N, C-alpha and C. Protein backbone atom coordinates (compact mmCIF):
# COMPACT_ATOMS: atom_id res chain seq x y z
N MET A 1 38.63 -51.24 -11.17
CA MET A 1 39.80 -50.36 -11.14
C MET A 1 40.93 -51.05 -11.91
N THR A 2 41.40 -50.44 -12.94
CA THR A 2 42.38 -51.05 -13.82
C THR A 2 43.74 -50.37 -13.66
N THR A 3 44.77 -51.17 -13.67
CA THR A 3 46.13 -50.64 -13.58
C THR A 3 47.03 -51.44 -14.49
N THR A 4 48.05 -50.81 -15.04
CA THR A 4 48.96 -51.51 -15.94
C THR A 4 50.13 -52.11 -15.18
N SER A 5 50.21 -51.85 -13.88
CA SER A 5 51.30 -52.40 -13.09
C SER A 5 51.19 -53.91 -13.02
N THR A 6 52.32 -54.62 -13.07
CA THR A 6 52.30 -56.06 -13.03
C THR A 6 52.65 -56.55 -11.63
N TRP A 7 52.65 -57.86 -11.46
CA TRP A 7 52.91 -58.44 -10.16
C TRP A 7 54.41 -58.48 -9.85
N ARG A 8 54.75 -58.45 -8.58
CA ARG A 8 56.13 -58.62 -8.14
C ARG A 8 56.11 -59.48 -6.87
N LEU A 9 57.24 -60.09 -6.57
CA LEU A 9 57.33 -61.02 -5.44
C LEU A 9 58.10 -60.38 -4.30
N GLN A 10 57.61 -60.58 -3.08
CA GLN A 10 58.27 -60.01 -1.90
C GLN A 10 58.35 -61.07 -0.81
N ARG A 11 59.50 -61.12 -0.16
CA ARG A 11 59.69 -62.05 0.96
C ARG A 11 59.50 -61.30 2.26
N ASP A 12 58.51 -61.72 3.05
CA ASP A 12 58.17 -61.04 4.30
C ASP A 12 58.49 -61.92 5.50
N LYS A 13 58.51 -61.27 6.66
CA LYS A 13 58.86 -61.98 7.89
C LYS A 13 57.80 -61.76 8.95
N ARG A 14 57.31 -62.84 9.54
CA ARG A 14 56.34 -62.75 10.63
C ARG A 14 57.04 -62.39 11.92
N PRO A 15 56.27 -61.90 12.92
CA PRO A 15 56.87 -61.59 14.22
C PRO A 15 57.56 -62.80 14.86
N THR A 16 57.11 -64.00 14.50
CA THR A 16 57.70 -65.23 15.06
C THR A 16 59.05 -65.56 14.43
N GLY A 17 59.40 -64.85 13.36
CA GLY A 17 60.68 -65.11 12.69
C GLY A 17 60.54 -65.92 11.42
N ASP A 18 59.36 -66.53 11.19
CA ASP A 18 59.13 -67.31 9.98
C ASP A 18 59.00 -66.39 8.77
N HIS A 19 59.45 -66.88 7.62
CA HIS A 19 59.35 -66.11 6.39
C HIS A 19 58.23 -66.65 5.51
N TYR A 20 57.62 -65.77 4.76
CA TYR A 20 56.58 -66.18 3.82
C TYR A 20 56.66 -65.26 2.60
N TRP A 21 56.00 -65.69 1.52
CA TRP A 21 56.07 -64.94 0.27
C TRP A 21 54.76 -64.20 0.02
N THR A 22 54.87 -63.03 -0.60
CA THR A 22 53.70 -62.22 -0.93
C THR A 22 53.80 -61.73 -2.37
N LEU A 23 52.71 -61.85 -3.11
CA LEU A 23 52.63 -61.26 -4.45
C LEU A 23 52.00 -59.88 -4.32
N ILE A 24 52.61 -58.89 -4.95
CA ILE A 24 52.13 -57.51 -4.86
C ILE A 24 51.93 -56.95 -6.27
N ARG A 25 50.86 -56.20 -6.43
CA ARG A 25 50.56 -55.60 -7.73
C ARG A 25 50.10 -54.16 -7.51
N GLY A 26 50.66 -53.23 -8.26
CA GLY A 26 50.27 -51.84 -8.14
C GLY A 26 50.89 -51.16 -6.93
N SER A 27 50.44 -49.97 -6.63
CA SER A 27 50.96 -49.21 -5.48
C SER A 27 49.90 -48.26 -4.97
N ARG A 28 50.09 -47.81 -3.74
CA ARG A 28 49.19 -46.86 -3.08
C ARG A 28 47.75 -47.36 -3.13
N SER A 29 46.82 -46.52 -3.61
CA SER A 29 45.40 -46.90 -3.57
C SER A 29 45.08 -48.07 -4.47
N GLU A 30 45.95 -48.37 -5.45
CA GLU A 30 45.70 -49.48 -6.37
C GLU A 30 46.49 -50.72 -5.98
N ARG A 31 47.08 -50.71 -4.81
CA ARG A 31 47.93 -51.83 -4.39
C ARG A 31 47.09 -53.05 -4.00
N THR A 32 47.47 -54.19 -4.51
CA THR A 32 46.86 -55.46 -4.13
C THR A 32 47.98 -56.40 -3.69
N SER A 33 47.80 -57.05 -2.56
CA SER A 33 48.80 -58.01 -2.10
C SER A 33 48.12 -59.32 -1.76
N VAL A 34 48.79 -60.41 -2.08
CA VAL A 34 48.27 -61.75 -1.82
C VAL A 34 49.34 -62.58 -1.15
N SER A 35 49.04 -63.05 0.06
CA SER A 35 50.00 -63.87 0.77
C SER A 35 50.02 -65.29 0.19
N LEU A 36 51.21 -65.76 -0.17
CA LEU A 36 51.36 -67.12 -0.67
C LEU A 36 51.72 -68.09 0.44
N GLY A 37 51.98 -67.54 1.62
CA GLY A 37 52.36 -68.38 2.74
C GLY A 37 53.80 -68.89 2.62
N ARG A 38 54.10 -69.92 3.39
CA ARG A 38 55.44 -70.51 3.35
C ARG A 38 55.53 -71.51 2.21
N MET A 39 56.54 -71.36 1.38
CA MET A 39 56.77 -72.29 0.27
C MET A 39 58.19 -72.09 -0.23
N PRO A 40 58.74 -73.06 -0.95
CA PRO A 40 60.07 -72.88 -1.52
C PRO A 40 60.08 -71.70 -2.48
N GLU A 41 61.24 -71.06 -2.60
CA GLU A 41 61.33 -69.90 -3.49
C GLU A 41 60.98 -70.27 -4.92
N SER A 42 61.33 -71.49 -5.34
CA SER A 42 61.04 -71.91 -6.71
C SER A 42 59.53 -71.93 -6.97
N ASP A 43 58.73 -72.37 -5.97
CA ASP A 43 57.28 -72.38 -6.13
C ASP A 43 56.72 -70.97 -6.13
N ALA A 44 57.30 -70.11 -5.28
CA ALA A 44 56.83 -68.71 -5.23
C ALA A 44 57.07 -68.03 -6.57
N ARG A 45 58.22 -68.29 -7.18
CA ARG A 45 58.53 -67.67 -8.47
C ARG A 45 57.65 -68.25 -9.58
N ARG A 46 57.28 -69.50 -9.43
CA ARG A 46 56.36 -70.11 -10.39
C ARG A 46 55.00 -69.41 -10.32
N CYS A 47 54.54 -69.12 -9.11
CA CYS A 47 53.28 -68.39 -8.93
C CYS A 47 53.39 -67.00 -9.56
N LEU A 48 54.53 -66.35 -9.34
CA LEU A 48 54.74 -65.02 -9.90
C LEU A 48 54.69 -65.06 -11.43
N GLU A 49 55.37 -66.02 -12.02
CA GLU A 49 55.40 -66.13 -13.48
C GLU A 49 54.01 -66.34 -14.05
N THR A 50 53.21 -67.18 -13.37
CA THR A 50 51.84 -67.43 -13.83
C THR A 50 51.00 -66.18 -13.75
N ALA A 51 51.11 -65.45 -12.62
CA ALA A 51 50.33 -64.24 -12.43
C ALA A 51 50.67 -63.20 -13.50
N VAL A 52 51.96 -63.01 -13.77
CA VAL A 52 52.39 -62.04 -14.79
C VAL A 52 51.90 -62.46 -16.16
N GLU A 53 52.04 -63.76 -16.46
CA GLU A 53 51.60 -64.26 -17.77
C GLU A 53 50.10 -64.05 -17.99
N LEU A 54 49.32 -64.36 -16.96
CA LEU A 54 47.87 -64.19 -17.09
C LEU A 54 47.49 -62.72 -17.24
N ASP A 55 48.17 -61.85 -16.49
CA ASP A 55 47.92 -60.42 -16.63
C ASP A 55 48.15 -59.95 -18.07
N GLU A 56 49.23 -60.42 -18.66
CA GLU A 56 49.58 -60.02 -20.02
C GLU A 56 48.56 -60.53 -21.03
N ARG A 57 48.03 -61.74 -20.79
CA ARG A 57 47.10 -62.35 -21.74
C ARG A 57 45.72 -61.72 -21.70
N VAL A 58 45.32 -61.17 -20.56
CA VAL A 58 43.97 -60.59 -20.48
C VAL A 58 43.99 -59.07 -20.57
N ARG A 59 45.18 -58.47 -20.64
CA ARG A 59 45.26 -57.01 -20.69
C ARG A 59 44.56 -56.47 -21.94
N GLY A 60 43.72 -55.45 -21.73
CA GLY A 60 43.01 -54.85 -22.84
C GLY A 60 41.74 -55.58 -23.21
N THR A 61 41.42 -56.66 -22.49
CA THR A 61 40.19 -57.42 -22.76
C THR A 61 39.18 -57.17 -21.65
N ALA A 62 38.00 -57.78 -21.81
CA ALA A 62 36.96 -57.63 -20.80
C ALA A 62 37.34 -58.30 -19.49
N ARG A 63 38.36 -59.18 -19.55
CA ARG A 63 38.77 -59.89 -18.34
C ARG A 63 39.99 -59.26 -17.68
N GLU A 64 40.34 -58.05 -18.09
CA GLU A 64 41.47 -57.37 -17.48
C GLU A 64 41.23 -57.16 -15.98
N ASP A 65 42.23 -57.42 -15.19
CA ASP A 65 42.18 -57.31 -13.72
C ASP A 65 41.35 -58.41 -13.07
N VAL A 66 40.95 -59.43 -13.84
CA VAL A 66 40.15 -60.50 -13.25
C VAL A 66 40.94 -61.28 -12.21
N LEU A 67 42.26 -61.39 -12.42
CA LEU A 67 43.08 -62.10 -11.45
C LEU A 67 43.08 -61.38 -10.11
N VAL A 68 43.08 -60.05 -10.14
CA VAL A 68 43.04 -59.25 -8.91
C VAL A 68 41.72 -59.51 -8.18
N ARG A 69 40.63 -59.53 -8.92
CA ARG A 69 39.33 -59.76 -8.29
C ARG A 69 39.25 -61.17 -7.70
N TYR A 70 39.78 -62.13 -8.43
CA TYR A 70 39.75 -63.50 -7.92
C TYR A 70 40.58 -63.61 -6.64
N ALA A 71 41.74 -62.97 -6.64
CA ALA A 71 42.61 -63.02 -5.46
C ALA A 71 41.92 -62.42 -4.25
N ALA A 72 41.13 -61.36 -4.46
CA ALA A 72 40.46 -60.69 -3.35
C ALA A 72 39.33 -61.54 -2.77
N ILE A 73 38.71 -62.37 -3.60
CA ILE A 73 37.56 -63.14 -3.16
C ILE A 73 37.94 -64.53 -2.67
N HIS A 74 38.89 -65.17 -3.36
CA HIS A 74 39.23 -66.56 -3.05
C HIS A 74 40.70 -66.69 -2.64
N ARG A 75 41.04 -66.13 -1.50
CA ARG A 75 42.43 -66.13 -1.06
C ARG A 75 43.00 -67.53 -0.85
N GLU A 76 42.19 -68.40 -0.25
CA GLU A 76 42.69 -69.73 0.09
C GLU A 76 43.11 -70.52 -1.15
N GLY A 77 42.32 -70.42 -2.23
CA GLY A 77 42.62 -71.21 -3.41
C GLY A 77 43.50 -70.52 -4.43
N PHE A 78 43.91 -69.30 -4.13
CA PHE A 78 44.67 -68.51 -5.11
C PHE A 78 46.01 -69.16 -5.43
N ARG A 79 46.73 -69.60 -4.41
CA ARG A 79 48.04 -70.20 -4.64
C ARG A 79 47.94 -71.45 -5.49
N GLU A 80 46.94 -72.31 -5.19
CA GLU A 80 46.77 -73.54 -5.93
C GLU A 80 46.45 -73.26 -7.39
N LEU A 81 45.64 -72.22 -7.63
CA LEU A 81 45.31 -71.87 -9.01
C LEU A 81 46.54 -71.42 -9.79
N LEU A 82 47.39 -70.64 -9.12
CA LEU A 82 48.58 -70.14 -9.81
C LEU A 82 49.56 -71.27 -10.14
N MET A 83 49.51 -72.34 -9.39
CA MET A 83 50.43 -73.46 -9.64
C MET A 83 49.83 -74.47 -10.60
N ASP A 84 48.60 -74.24 -11.05
CA ASP A 84 47.95 -75.11 -12.02
C ASP A 84 48.56 -74.88 -13.40
N PRO A 85 49.13 -75.90 -14.03
CA PRO A 85 49.79 -75.70 -15.32
C PRO A 85 48.82 -75.46 -16.48
N ASP A 86 47.50 -75.74 -16.29
CA ASP A 86 46.54 -75.56 -17.36
C ASP A 86 46.04 -74.12 -17.36
N ARG A 87 46.70 -73.26 -18.12
CA ARG A 87 46.38 -71.84 -18.13
C ARG A 87 44.98 -71.56 -18.68
N GLU A 88 44.58 -72.31 -19.71
CA GLU A 88 43.27 -72.06 -20.31
C GLU A 88 42.15 -72.39 -19.33
N GLU A 89 42.30 -73.49 -18.60
CA GLU A 89 41.31 -73.86 -17.60
C GLU A 89 41.24 -72.80 -16.50
N LEU A 90 42.40 -72.28 -16.13
CA LEU A 90 42.45 -71.25 -15.10
C LEU A 90 41.76 -69.97 -15.58
N LEU A 91 42.02 -69.59 -16.81
CA LEU A 91 41.38 -68.40 -17.35
C LEU A 91 39.86 -68.55 -17.40
N ASP A 92 39.39 -69.75 -17.73
CA ASP A 92 37.95 -69.99 -17.75
C ASP A 92 37.36 -69.82 -16.35
N ALA A 93 38.08 -70.32 -15.35
CA ALA A 93 37.61 -70.21 -13.97
C ALA A 93 37.56 -68.75 -13.53
N LEU A 94 38.60 -68.01 -13.92
CA LEU A 94 38.66 -66.60 -13.53
C LEU A 94 37.59 -65.78 -14.25
N GLY A 95 37.19 -66.21 -15.41
CA GLY A 95 36.20 -65.47 -16.18
C GLY A 95 34.84 -65.40 -15.50
N ALA A 96 34.60 -66.28 -14.54
CA ALA A 96 33.31 -66.30 -13.85
C ALA A 96 33.26 -65.37 -12.65
N VAL A 97 34.39 -64.73 -12.34
CA VAL A 97 34.45 -63.88 -11.16
C VAL A 97 33.81 -62.53 -11.45
N SER A 98 32.74 -62.21 -10.80
CA SER A 98 32.08 -60.92 -11.03
C SER A 98 31.45 -60.36 -9.76
N GLU A 99 31.61 -61.07 -8.63
CA GLU A 99 30.99 -60.62 -7.39
C GLU A 99 31.70 -59.39 -6.82
N ASP A 100 30.95 -58.60 -6.10
CA ASP A 100 31.48 -57.43 -5.42
C ASP A 100 31.54 -57.74 -3.92
N PRO A 101 32.73 -58.01 -3.36
CA PRO A 101 32.84 -58.35 -1.94
C PRO A 101 32.34 -57.23 -1.03
N GLY A 102 32.32 -56.00 -1.51
CA GLY A 102 31.83 -54.90 -0.69
C GLY A 102 30.36 -55.03 -0.34
N ARG A 103 29.62 -55.86 -1.09
CA ARG A 103 28.21 -56.08 -0.82
C ARG A 103 27.99 -57.29 0.09
N TRP A 104 29.06 -57.95 0.45
CA TRP A 104 28.95 -59.11 1.33
C TRP A 104 28.75 -58.66 2.77
N SER A 105 28.18 -59.56 3.57
CA SER A 105 28.01 -59.27 4.99
C SER A 105 29.37 -59.28 5.68
N LEU A 106 29.43 -58.66 6.84
CA LEU A 106 30.66 -58.68 7.63
C LEU A 106 31.08 -60.11 7.91
N ARG A 107 30.13 -60.96 8.23
CA ARG A 107 30.45 -62.36 8.54
C ARG A 107 31.09 -63.06 7.35
N ARG A 108 30.49 -62.92 6.17
CA ARG A 108 31.03 -63.60 4.99
C ARG A 108 32.38 -63.01 4.58
N TYR A 109 32.48 -61.69 4.63
CA TYR A 109 33.73 -61.05 4.25
C TYR A 109 34.87 -61.49 5.15
N LEU A 110 34.59 -61.58 6.45
CA LEU A 110 35.61 -62.04 7.39
C LEU A 110 36.05 -63.45 7.06
N ASP A 111 35.10 -64.35 6.84
CA ASP A 111 35.40 -65.76 6.62
C ASP A 111 36.10 -66.04 5.29
N GLU A 112 35.66 -65.34 4.23
CA GLU A 112 36.12 -65.69 2.90
C GLU A 112 37.22 -64.80 2.33
N VAL A 113 37.33 -63.58 2.86
CA VAL A 113 38.30 -62.65 2.29
C VAL A 113 39.36 -62.22 3.30
N PHE A 114 38.93 -61.62 4.39
CA PHE A 114 39.89 -61.03 5.32
C PHE A 114 40.68 -62.05 6.12
N TRP A 115 40.00 -62.96 6.81
CA TRP A 115 40.70 -63.84 7.75
C TRP A 115 41.69 -64.79 7.08
N PRO A 116 41.38 -65.38 5.91
CA PRO A 116 42.37 -66.26 5.27
C PRO A 116 43.72 -65.59 5.04
N GLU A 117 43.70 -64.28 4.75
CA GLU A 117 44.98 -63.58 4.57
C GLU A 117 45.55 -63.11 5.90
N ARG A 118 44.69 -62.63 6.77
CA ARG A 118 45.14 -62.10 8.05
C ARG A 118 45.91 -63.13 8.85
N LYS A 119 45.40 -64.35 8.89
CA LYS A 119 46.04 -65.37 9.71
C LYS A 119 47.40 -65.79 9.18
N GLY A 120 47.69 -65.42 7.93
CA GLY A 120 48.99 -65.74 7.37
C GLY A 120 50.02 -64.64 7.55
N THR A 121 49.61 -63.51 8.14
CA THR A 121 50.53 -62.37 8.23
C THR A 121 50.73 -61.85 9.65
N VAL A 122 50.04 -62.42 10.63
CA VAL A 122 50.22 -62.00 12.02
C VAL A 122 50.59 -63.20 12.87
N ALA A 123 51.18 -62.93 14.03
CA ALA A 123 51.61 -64.00 14.93
C ALA A 123 50.42 -64.79 15.45
N GLU A 124 50.67 -66.03 15.85
CA GLU A 124 49.60 -66.89 16.35
C GLU A 124 48.94 -66.30 17.59
N SER A 125 49.73 -65.65 18.44
CA SER A 125 49.16 -65.04 19.64
C SER A 125 48.17 -63.92 19.28
N THR A 126 48.51 -63.15 18.24
CA THR A 126 47.62 -62.08 17.77
C THR A 126 46.35 -62.68 17.17
N GLN A 127 46.50 -63.77 16.43
CA GLN A 127 45.34 -64.44 15.85
C GLN A 127 44.35 -64.87 16.93
N LYS A 128 44.86 -65.43 18.02
CA LYS A 128 43.99 -65.90 19.09
C LYS A 128 43.21 -64.75 19.72
N LYS A 129 43.89 -63.62 19.96
CA LYS A 129 43.22 -62.46 20.55
C LYS A 129 42.15 -61.92 19.61
N GLU A 130 42.50 -61.81 18.32
CA GLU A 130 41.54 -61.25 17.37
C GLU A 130 40.36 -62.19 17.15
N LYS A 131 40.62 -63.50 17.20
CA LYS A 131 39.54 -64.45 17.01
C LYS A 131 38.50 -64.34 18.13
N LEU A 132 38.96 -64.10 19.34
CA LEU A 132 38.04 -63.90 20.46
C LEU A 132 37.18 -62.66 20.25
N VAL A 133 37.80 -61.61 19.71
CA VAL A 133 37.05 -60.38 19.42
C VAL A 133 36.02 -60.64 18.34
N TRP A 134 36.43 -61.33 17.27
CA TRP A 134 35.50 -61.59 16.17
C TRP A 134 34.33 -62.47 16.60
N ASN A 135 34.58 -63.38 17.52
CA ASN A 135 33.48 -64.21 18.02
C ASN A 135 32.38 -63.34 18.64
N GLN A 136 32.80 -62.27 19.32
CA GLN A 136 31.83 -61.35 19.92
C GLN A 136 31.19 -60.43 18.87
N LEU A 137 32.00 -59.94 17.94
CA LEU A 137 31.48 -59.06 16.90
C LEU A 137 30.45 -59.76 16.03
N LEU A 138 30.67 -61.04 15.77
CA LEU A 138 29.74 -61.78 14.91
C LEU A 138 28.44 -62.15 15.61
N GLU A 139 28.38 -61.91 16.91
CA GLU A 139 27.13 -62.10 17.65
C GLU A 139 26.37 -60.78 17.77
N SER A 140 26.92 -59.71 17.24
CA SER A 140 26.31 -58.39 17.32
C SER A 140 25.50 -58.09 16.06
N PRO A 141 24.72 -57.00 16.06
CA PRO A 141 23.96 -56.60 14.86
C PRO A 141 24.85 -56.23 13.67
N LEU A 142 26.17 -56.12 13.88
CA LEU A 142 27.07 -55.78 12.78
C LEU A 142 27.26 -56.95 11.82
N ALA A 143 27.11 -58.18 12.29
CA ALA A 143 27.44 -59.37 11.51
C ALA A 143 26.74 -59.44 10.15
N PRO A 144 25.43 -59.16 10.06
CA PRO A 144 24.77 -59.26 8.75
C PRO A 144 24.89 -58.00 7.89
N ARG A 145 25.50 -56.93 8.44
CA ARG A 145 25.62 -55.67 7.68
C ARG A 145 26.59 -55.83 6.52
N ARG A 146 26.29 -55.15 5.40
CA ARG A 146 27.21 -55.15 4.27
C ARG A 146 28.46 -54.34 4.62
N ILE A 147 29.59 -54.77 4.09
CA ILE A 147 30.85 -54.09 4.36
C ILE A 147 30.75 -52.61 3.98
N LYS A 148 30.13 -52.32 2.84
CA LYS A 148 30.05 -50.93 2.37
C LYS A 148 29.21 -50.04 3.28
N SER A 149 28.38 -50.62 4.14
CA SER A 149 27.52 -49.81 4.98
C SER A 149 28.10 -49.59 6.38
N LEU A 150 29.25 -50.19 6.65
CA LEU A 150 29.86 -50.05 7.97
C LEU A 150 30.62 -48.74 8.07
N ASP A 151 30.54 -48.09 9.22
CA ASP A 151 31.26 -46.84 9.43
C ASP A 151 31.54 -46.66 10.92
N ALA A 152 32.06 -45.50 11.28
CA ALA A 152 32.45 -45.25 12.67
C ALA A 152 31.25 -45.29 13.61
N LEU A 153 30.12 -44.74 13.16
CA LEU A 153 28.93 -44.72 14.02
C LEU A 153 28.43 -46.14 14.31
N SER A 154 28.48 -47.00 13.30
CA SER A 154 28.07 -48.39 13.49
C SER A 154 28.90 -49.03 14.59
N PHE A 155 30.19 -48.76 14.56
CA PHE A 155 31.06 -49.37 15.56
C PHE A 155 30.82 -48.78 16.94
N GLU A 156 30.57 -47.47 17.00
CA GLU A 156 30.35 -46.84 18.31
C GLU A 156 29.11 -47.40 18.99
N ARG A 157 28.11 -47.75 18.20
CA ARG A 157 26.92 -48.37 18.79
C ARG A 157 27.28 -49.72 19.39
N TYR A 158 28.14 -50.45 18.69
CA TYR A 158 28.61 -51.74 19.23
C TYR A 158 29.46 -51.51 20.48
N LEU A 159 30.33 -50.51 20.41
CA LEU A 159 31.21 -50.23 21.53
C LEU A 159 30.42 -49.83 22.77
N ASP A 160 29.30 -49.19 22.56
CA ASP A 160 28.45 -48.82 23.68
C ASP A 160 27.96 -50.05 24.45
N SER A 161 27.72 -51.14 23.72
CA SER A 161 27.29 -52.37 24.39
C SER A 161 28.40 -52.92 25.27
N LEU A 162 29.66 -52.70 24.87
CA LEU A 162 30.79 -53.14 25.70
C LEU A 162 30.88 -52.29 26.96
N ARG A 163 30.61 -51.00 26.82
CA ARG A 163 30.65 -50.12 27.99
C ARG A 163 29.58 -50.51 29.00
N ARG A 164 28.40 -50.86 28.49
CA ARG A 164 27.32 -51.25 29.40
C ARG A 164 27.67 -52.54 30.15
N ARG A 165 28.53 -53.36 29.53
CA ARG A 165 28.99 -54.58 30.21
C ARG A 165 30.20 -54.31 31.08
N ARG A 166 30.59 -53.03 31.15
CA ARG A 166 31.71 -52.59 31.98
C ARG A 166 33.04 -53.26 31.61
N LEU A 167 33.23 -53.48 30.31
CA LEU A 167 34.52 -54.00 29.86
C LEU A 167 35.55 -52.88 29.90
N SER A 168 36.78 -53.23 30.14
CA SER A 168 37.84 -52.23 30.34
C SER A 168 38.14 -51.44 29.08
N GLY A 169 38.77 -50.30 29.27
CA GLY A 169 39.18 -49.49 28.13
C GLY A 169 40.16 -50.24 27.25
N ARG A 170 41.01 -51.07 27.85
CA ARG A 170 41.97 -51.85 27.07
C ARG A 170 41.25 -52.83 26.15
N THR A 171 40.20 -53.47 26.68
CA THR A 171 39.42 -54.41 25.87
C THR A 171 38.71 -53.68 24.74
N GLN A 172 38.16 -52.50 25.04
CA GLN A 172 37.50 -51.72 24.01
C GLN A 172 38.49 -51.34 22.90
N ALA A 173 39.70 -50.99 23.30
CA ALA A 173 40.73 -50.61 22.31
C ALA A 173 41.07 -51.80 21.42
N LEU A 174 41.11 -53.01 21.99
CA LEU A 174 41.40 -54.21 21.21
C LEU A 174 40.29 -54.45 20.19
N HIS A 175 39.04 -54.28 20.59
CA HIS A 175 37.91 -54.45 19.67
C HIS A 175 37.99 -53.40 18.56
N ARG A 176 38.33 -52.17 18.92
CA ARG A 176 38.43 -51.10 17.93
C ARG A 176 39.52 -51.41 16.91
N ALA A 177 40.68 -51.84 17.39
CA ALA A 177 41.81 -52.13 16.49
C ALA A 177 41.50 -53.30 15.57
N THR A 178 40.82 -54.31 16.08
CA THR A 178 40.48 -55.49 15.29
C THR A 178 39.50 -55.14 14.18
N TYR A 179 38.48 -54.37 14.52
CA TYR A 179 37.47 -53.93 13.56
C TYR A 179 38.11 -53.02 12.50
N LYS A 180 38.97 -52.12 12.96
CA LYS A 180 39.63 -51.18 12.06
C LYS A 180 40.52 -51.90 11.05
N ALA A 181 41.19 -52.98 11.50
CA ALA A 181 42.08 -53.72 10.61
C ALA A 181 41.31 -54.27 9.41
N LEU A 182 40.11 -54.79 9.66
CA LEU A 182 39.32 -55.34 8.55
C LEU A 182 38.87 -54.24 7.60
N LEU A 183 38.38 -53.11 8.13
CA LEU A 183 37.89 -52.05 7.25
C LEU A 183 39.03 -51.36 6.50
N ASP A 184 40.19 -51.23 7.13
CA ASP A 184 41.35 -50.68 6.43
C ASP A 184 41.73 -51.61 5.27
N PHE A 185 41.70 -52.90 5.52
CA PHE A 185 42.00 -53.91 4.51
C PHE A 185 41.02 -53.77 3.35
N ALA A 186 39.72 -53.67 3.66
CA ALA A 186 38.69 -53.56 2.63
C ALA A 186 38.88 -52.29 1.80
N PHE A 187 39.29 -51.21 2.44
CA PHE A 187 39.52 -49.95 1.72
C PHE A 187 40.71 -50.09 0.77
N ARG A 188 41.79 -50.72 1.23
CA ARG A 188 42.97 -50.91 0.37
C ARG A 188 42.66 -51.80 -0.83
N ARG A 189 41.74 -52.75 -0.64
CA ARG A 189 41.39 -53.66 -1.74
C ARG A 189 40.35 -53.06 -2.68
N GLY A 190 39.82 -51.88 -2.34
CA GLY A 190 38.82 -51.27 -3.19
C GLY A 190 37.42 -51.82 -2.98
N HIS A 191 37.21 -52.53 -1.87
CA HIS A 191 35.90 -53.11 -1.59
C HIS A 191 34.96 -52.11 -0.92
N VAL A 192 35.53 -51.07 -0.32
CA VAL A 192 34.75 -49.91 0.11
C VAL A 192 35.37 -48.71 -0.58
N GLU A 193 34.55 -47.77 -0.98
CA GLU A 193 35.01 -46.73 -1.89
C GLU A 193 35.39 -45.42 -1.23
N LYS A 194 34.94 -45.20 0.01
CA LYS A 194 35.19 -43.92 0.64
C LYS A 194 36.06 -44.08 1.88
N ALA A 195 37.00 -43.15 2.05
CA ALA A 195 37.93 -43.25 3.17
C ALA A 195 37.23 -43.20 4.51
N TRP A 196 36.08 -42.55 4.59
CA TRP A 196 35.42 -42.46 5.90
C TRP A 196 34.82 -43.78 6.33
N ASN A 197 34.89 -44.80 5.47
CA ASN A 197 34.44 -46.12 5.90
C ASN A 197 35.47 -46.79 6.80
N THR A 198 36.68 -46.21 6.88
CA THR A 198 37.67 -46.74 7.78
C THR A 198 37.57 -46.02 9.12
N ILE A 199 38.07 -46.66 10.17
CA ILE A 199 37.94 -46.11 11.52
C ILE A 199 39.28 -45.55 11.99
N THR A 200 39.27 -44.35 12.53
CA THR A 200 40.47 -43.77 13.13
C THR A 200 40.19 -43.52 14.60
N PRO A 201 41.20 -43.58 15.45
CA PRO A 201 40.99 -43.28 16.86
C PRO A 201 40.37 -41.91 17.09
N GLU A 202 40.79 -40.92 16.29
CA GLU A 202 40.26 -39.57 16.45
C GLU A 202 38.77 -39.53 16.16
N LEU A 203 38.35 -40.25 15.11
CA LEU A 203 36.95 -40.27 14.76
C LEU A 203 36.13 -40.96 15.84
N CYS A 204 36.68 -42.05 16.39
CA CYS A 204 35.98 -42.76 17.45
C CYS A 204 35.81 -41.86 18.68
N VAL A 205 36.87 -41.12 19.02
CA VAL A 205 36.78 -40.22 20.17
C VAL A 205 35.74 -39.15 19.91
N GLY A 206 35.67 -38.68 18.66
CA GLY A 206 34.67 -37.68 18.31
C GLY A 206 33.26 -38.18 18.51
N TRP A 207 33.02 -39.42 18.13
CA TRP A 207 31.69 -39.99 18.32
C TRP A 207 31.39 -40.20 19.80
N VAL A 208 32.41 -40.58 20.55
CA VAL A 208 32.21 -40.75 22.00
C VAL A 208 31.76 -39.44 22.62
N ARG A 209 32.44 -38.34 22.26
CA ARG A 209 32.08 -37.04 22.81
C ARG A 209 30.70 -36.60 22.32
N HIS A 210 30.43 -36.88 21.04
CA HIS A 210 29.14 -36.49 20.47
C HIS A 210 27.99 -37.19 21.19
N CYS A 211 28.21 -38.46 21.56
CA CYS A 211 27.15 -39.23 22.21
C CYS A 211 27.11 -39.02 23.71
N GLY A 212 28.05 -38.21 24.22
CA GLY A 212 28.01 -37.85 25.62
C GLY A 212 28.71 -38.80 26.56
N TYR A 213 29.64 -39.61 26.02
CA TYR A 213 30.36 -40.53 26.88
C TYR A 213 31.63 -39.89 27.38
N ALA A 214 31.98 -40.16 28.59
CA ALA A 214 33.24 -39.66 29.15
C ALA A 214 34.38 -40.55 28.68
N ALA A 215 35.53 -39.93 28.49
CA ALA A 215 36.70 -40.71 28.08
C ALA A 215 37.06 -41.70 29.17
N GLN A 216 37.45 -42.89 28.74
CA GLN A 216 37.85 -43.92 29.70
C GLN A 216 39.33 -44.21 29.54
N SER A 217 40.00 -44.33 30.64
CA SER A 217 41.43 -44.61 30.59
C SER A 217 41.65 -46.10 30.47
N THR A 218 42.77 -46.45 29.89
CA THR A 218 43.14 -47.85 29.77
C THR A 218 44.10 -48.23 30.88
């Protein structure tokens, strides 16, 4: 997916009150954002300048949008790459990026793409709750499934296992929200191509009724 929009810098605030920097490119369905974490404004602007420069140098070539793909796959090392003064070496490294994260397993996608960014944008208390949920999800049959093959029905089958364990409606809602956050993220990044790969509460309720489950109160 190619766009002519360039990168811009945004200063965001965590629920804890800490500030961090985010690089943003494009808008709406073509929007890509990369958390730079906490750093001096001078370093954040240096990252921005590098990203813009690289975009301009590869525009119209076979490597156009390669920086976006690299950012989506290697979040942890993205900031360090942007601060590397050797632009040619960086371009060579980016030229090797050709993987499709949508074909990765849920486990790999969580570890290498989603969680590195997620933990930089939510409060520590939220991270702890979500990590407990992911520990359970990664023990389920969903873990080896490709991101592109996940949908509402896949999750409802997992949710049924929680019901059989008599977990509360509140706990089920937490699992639903955690799972939905990852798939919404994947949809925004273009790693899944169809909107129905994301989970909505209405769709989940529809599957519950279809499968004959009674609504549970929280």
